[in-house]
Protein backbone atom coordinates (compact mmCIF):
# COMPACT_ATOMS: atom_id res chain seq x y z
CA MET A 1 -12.43 -83.74 -68.57
CA SER A 2 -16.02 -84.85 -69.01
CA ASN A 3 -16.22 -86.84 -65.79
CA PRO A 4 -16.21 -85.36 -62.27
CA SER A 5 -13.21 -85.22 -60.01
CA LEU A 6 -12.66 -88.41 -58.00
CA GLU A 7 -11.37 -88.05 -54.45
CA ASN A 8 -12.62 -91.28 -52.88
CA GLY A 9 -9.99 -93.63 -54.18
CA ILE A 10 -9.57 -96.10 -56.98
CA GLU A 11 -10.23 -99.81 -57.05
CA SER A 12 -8.99 -102.93 -58.78
CA GLN A 13 -10.63 -104.31 -61.92
CA GLN A 14 -12.11 -100.95 -62.89
CA ASN A 15 -11.92 -98.82 -66.03
CA TYR A 16 -11.45 -95.07 -65.61
CA PHE A 17 -11.84 -92.83 -68.65
CA GLU A 18 -11.31 -89.04 -68.63
CA HIS A 19 -11.36 -88.86 -64.84
CA SER A 20 -9.51 -86.27 -62.79
CA PHE A 21 -7.99 -87.44 -59.49
CA ASN A 22 -7.14 -84.69 -56.99
CA LYS A 23 -5.19 -84.99 -53.73
CA LEU A 24 -5.81 -88.71 -53.63
CA GLU A 25 -3.79 -90.69 -51.06
CA LEU A 26 -3.17 -94.30 -51.96
CA ILE A 27 -0.12 -95.28 -49.93
CA ASP A 28 1.14 -98.87 -49.79
CA GLU A 29 -2.01 -100.17 -51.48
CA ASP A 30 -2.64 -102.88 -54.10
CA ILE A 31 -4.44 -102.15 -57.36
CA SER A 32 -4.66 -104.76 -60.13
CA HIS A 33 -6.24 -105.14 -63.57
CA SER A 34 -7.48 -101.53 -63.71
CA GLU A 35 -7.25 -99.26 -66.76
CA PHE A 36 -6.77 -95.50 -66.79
CA GLU A 37 -7.22 -93.72 -70.11
CA GLU A 38 -6.98 -89.96 -70.64
CA CYS A 39 -6.96 -89.42 -66.87
CA GLU A 40 -5.32 -86.62 -64.90
CA PHE A 41 -3.72 -86.92 -61.46
CA TYR A 42 -3.01 -83.80 -59.38
CA ASP A 43 -1.24 -83.69 -55.99
CA CYS A 44 -1.77 -87.42 -55.44
CA ASP A 45 0.35 -89.67 -53.22
CA PHE A 46 0.77 -93.23 -54.52
CA SER A 47 4.05 -93.94 -52.73
CA SER A 48 4.92 -97.61 -52.19
CA SER A 49 1.70 -98.79 -53.85
CA ARG A 50 1.54 -101.69 -56.26
CA PHE A 51 -0.15 -101.42 -59.65
CA GLU A 52 -0.17 -104.91 -61.13
CA ARG A 53 -1.33 -105.64 -64.69
CA CYS A 54 -2.86 -102.18 -65.00
CA LYS A 55 -2.83 -99.79 -67.98
CA PHE A 56 -2.11 -96.08 -68.01
CA ILE A 57 -2.78 -94.65 -71.47
CA ASN A 58 -2.54 -90.95 -72.38
CA CYS A 59 -2.48 -89.77 -68.75
CA ARG A 60 -0.93 -86.79 -66.96
CA PHE A 61 0.55 -86.70 -63.45
CA GLU A 62 1.29 -83.33 -61.87
CA ARG A 63 2.88 -82.74 -58.44
CA CYS A 64 2.38 -86.41 -57.53
CA ASN A 65 4.47 -88.69 -55.34
CA LEU A 66 5.00 -92.09 -56.96
CA SER A 67 8.17 -93.05 -55.13
CA LEU A 68 8.76 -96.80 -54.77
CA VAL A 69 5.67 -97.59 -56.83
CA ASN A 70 5.65 -101.15 -58.18
CA LEU A 71 4.46 -101.39 -61.80
CA THR A 72 4.62 -105.16 -62.30
CA TYR A 73 3.28 -106.02 -65.77
CA THR A 74 1.65 -102.59 -65.99
CA ARG A 75 1.49 -100.86 -69.38
CA VAL A 76 2.42 -97.18 -69.59
CA PHE A 77 2.00 -95.32 -72.86
CA GLU A 78 1.84 -91.61 -73.72
CA ILE A 79 2.29 -90.47 -70.11
CA GLU A 80 3.37 -87.01 -68.95
CA PHE A 81 4.88 -86.43 -65.51
CA VAL A 82 5.34 -82.83 -64.32
CA ASP A 83 6.92 -81.84 -60.99
CA CYS A 84 6.60 -85.42 -59.72
CA LYS A 85 8.67 -87.48 -57.30
CA LEU A 86 9.43 -90.94 -58.73
CA VAL A 87 12.29 -92.17 -56.56
CA GLY A 88 13.35 -95.81 -56.55
CA ILE A 89 11.05 -97.12 -59.29
CA ASP A 90 12.14 -100.26 -61.13
CA TRP A 91 10.72 -99.44 -64.56
CA THR A 92 11.88 -102.80 -65.89
CA ARG A 93 8.98 -104.47 -64.09
CA ALA A 94 6.44 -102.71 -66.28
CA HIS A 95 5.10 -104.21 -69.50
CA TRP A 96 6.90 -102.83 -72.57
CA PRO A 97 5.49 -104.37 -75.79
CA SER A 98 8.28 -105.01 -78.27
CA PHE A 99 6.28 -103.47 -81.12
CA ASN A 100 6.70 -100.02 -79.49
CA LEU A 101 10.10 -98.40 -79.65
CA ASP A 102 8.74 -95.03 -78.54
CA HIS A 103 6.42 -95.29 -75.54
CA GLU A 104 5.91 -91.51 -75.51
CA LEU A 105 7.01 -90.91 -71.94
CA SER A 106 7.72 -87.35 -70.83
CA PHE A 107 9.19 -86.16 -67.52
CA LYS A 108 9.57 -82.46 -66.65
CA ARG A 109 11.16 -81.21 -63.42
CA CYS A 110 10.88 -84.69 -61.89
CA ILE A 111 13.04 -86.56 -59.37
CA LEU A 112 13.97 -90.02 -60.65
CA ASN A 113 16.80 -90.84 -58.29
CA ASP A 114 17.65 -94.55 -57.85
CA CYS A 115 15.37 -95.60 -60.73
CA SER A 116 16.22 -98.51 -63.03
CA PHE A 117 15.76 -98.34 -66.80
CA PHE A 118 18.17 -101.24 -67.35
CA GLY A 119 17.89 -102.71 -70.85
CA LEU A 120 14.70 -100.86 -71.80
CA THR A 121 13.98 -99.55 -75.29
CA LEU A 122 12.73 -96.00 -74.79
CA ASN A 123 13.39 -94.20 -78.06
CA GLU A 124 12.50 -90.51 -77.97
CA LEU A 125 12.17 -90.50 -74.19
CA LYS A 126 11.82 -86.92 -72.90
CA LEU A 127 13.55 -85.83 -69.69
CA ASP A 128 13.75 -82.09 -69.04
CA GLU A 129 15.19 -80.52 -65.87
CA CYS A 130 15.09 -83.85 -64.02
CA LYS A 131 17.33 -85.38 -61.35
CA LEU A 132 18.53 -88.93 -62.03
CA HIS A 133 21.05 -89.46 -59.24
CA ASP A 134 22.24 -93.09 -59.15
CA ALA A 135 19.80 -94.06 -61.92
CA ASP A 136 20.58 -97.24 -63.87
CA LEU A 137 20.61 -96.59 -67.63
CA ARG A 138 22.83 -99.50 -68.59
CA GLU A 139 22.02 -101.28 -71.86
CA ALA A 140 19.04 -98.99 -72.44
CA ASP A 141 18.17 -97.91 -75.97
CA LEU A 142 17.65 -94.15 -75.71
CA ALA A 143 18.12 -93.27 -79.36
CA HIS A 144 16.68 -89.86 -80.27
CA ALA A 145 15.92 -89.18 -76.58
CA THR A 146 15.76 -85.63 -75.21
CA LEU A 147 17.71 -85.55 -71.93
CA THR A 148 18.19 -81.82 -71.42
CA TYR A 149 19.04 -79.82 -68.28
CA CYS A 150 19.22 -83.05 -66.25
CA ASP A 151 21.50 -83.98 -63.36
CA PHE A 152 23.00 -87.46 -63.86
CA HIS A 153 25.10 -87.58 -60.67
CA HIS A 154 26.41 -91.17 -60.30
CA ALA A 155 24.00 -92.44 -62.97
CA LEU A 156 25.16 -95.63 -64.68
CA PHE A 157 25.78 -95.69 -68.44
CA MET A 158 27.12 -98.91 -69.96
CA ARG A 159 26.35 -100.20 -73.44
CA THR A 160 23.70 -97.49 -73.58
CA ASN A 161 22.48 -96.41 -77.01
CA LEU A 162 22.49 -92.61 -77.11
CA ASN A 163 22.49 -92.23 -80.88
CA CYS A 164 21.07 -88.82 -81.82
CA ALA A 165 20.19 -88.15 -78.17
CA ASP A 166 20.18 -84.54 -76.94
CA LEU A 167 21.97 -84.06 -73.60
CA THR A 168 22.33 -80.30 -73.95
CA GLU A 169 22.90 -78.52 -70.63
CA SER A 170 22.85 -81.81 -68.69
CA THR A 171 25.52 -82.23 -66.03
CA ASN A 172 27.42 -84.65 -63.77
CA PHE A 173 27.34 -87.56 -66.19
CA HIS A 174 30.15 -90.08 -66.59
CA ILE A 175 29.81 -91.71 -70.00
CA ASP A 176 32.61 -93.88 -71.36
CA VAL A 177 32.78 -93.15 -75.08
CA LEU A 178 34.19 -96.63 -75.71
CA GLU A 179 31.43 -98.46 -73.81
CA ASN A 180 28.42 -96.51 -75.10
CA THR A 181 27.03 -95.53 -78.50
CA LEU A 182 27.06 -91.76 -79.02
CA THR A 183 26.75 -91.21 -82.77
CA LYS A 184 25.32 -87.73 -83.43
CA ALA A 185 24.53 -87.20 -79.74
CA LYS A 186 24.47 -83.56 -78.59
CA PHE A 187 26.31 -82.23 -75.54
CA SER A 188 27.01 -78.74 -74.26
CA ARG A 189 30.56 -77.79 -75.15
CA TYR A 190 31.91 -77.56 -71.58
CA GLU A 191 30.21 -80.74 -70.34
CA ALA A 192 31.41 -82.64 -73.41
CA LEU A 193 34.95 -82.33 -72.07
CA ALA A 194 33.99 -84.86 -69.40
CA LEU A 195 33.69 -87.47 -72.14
CA LEU A 196 37.43 -87.22 -72.72
CA GLU A 197 38.15 -88.44 -69.20
CA SER A 198 37.21 -91.96 -70.25
CA LEU A 199 39.97 -91.84 -72.86
CA GLY A 200 42.61 -90.87 -70.33
CA ILE A 201 43.16 -87.54 -72.09
CA GLU A 202 44.53 -84.66 -70.03
CA LEU A 203 43.40 -81.19 -71.02
CA VAL A 204 45.83 -78.31 -70.53
CA ASP A 205 44.94 -74.62 -70.65
C-alpha cells in the first residue's frame, strides 16, 4: 500500500485509495457516499454501523467484525473476507448492478450466520470453511459457486440455482432436489445421501 495506515477513523463523502486501516473501531456509526478502492482492513470492528451509498472496490478484510452492518445501496465488488465475523447482514440491501453476474466475492473461514442472500445473483461466489447457520439462500443464483467445507446448519435453500456449484465437503445442508436446480453440482459422496431424504427414499445397509 502506498498510503500510510489510518487509525483515526473514516468519514462520509470521502475517497480512500490504497489505504490500510488497522484496529479501527467504528461501532454503530453512519458513513455515507464514501468510496474505498484497493483498501485493506485488519482487526477492525464495524459492528452495527451503516454504510449507505458507499463503494468498496477490490478491498480485503481480515479478522474484522462486520456483524449487523447495514449496506443500504452500497456497492461491493472484488472483495475478500478472511477470518471475519459477518453475522446478521442483509446482503439484499446492497447495490448489485444487473450487468454483473459475478461480483467476485470471496469468504474464507468466515461466520455468516443469519445472513440473507435472498434472490441475489452471485455467480462464482466463493465460500471456503465458512459457517452459514440459518442463512437465507432462497431464490439465489449461485451457479458455478464454490461452497466448500462450509456448515449450512438450518440454512434455507428454495428455488436456488446451484448449477455447476461445488459443495464438496460441506455439511448439514437440507436441499430439496425437486425445489432447487442442481445440474452438475458437486457433493461429497456421503453428504450427497442427504439429498435423497427430500425424495422420501430410505437407504438400507
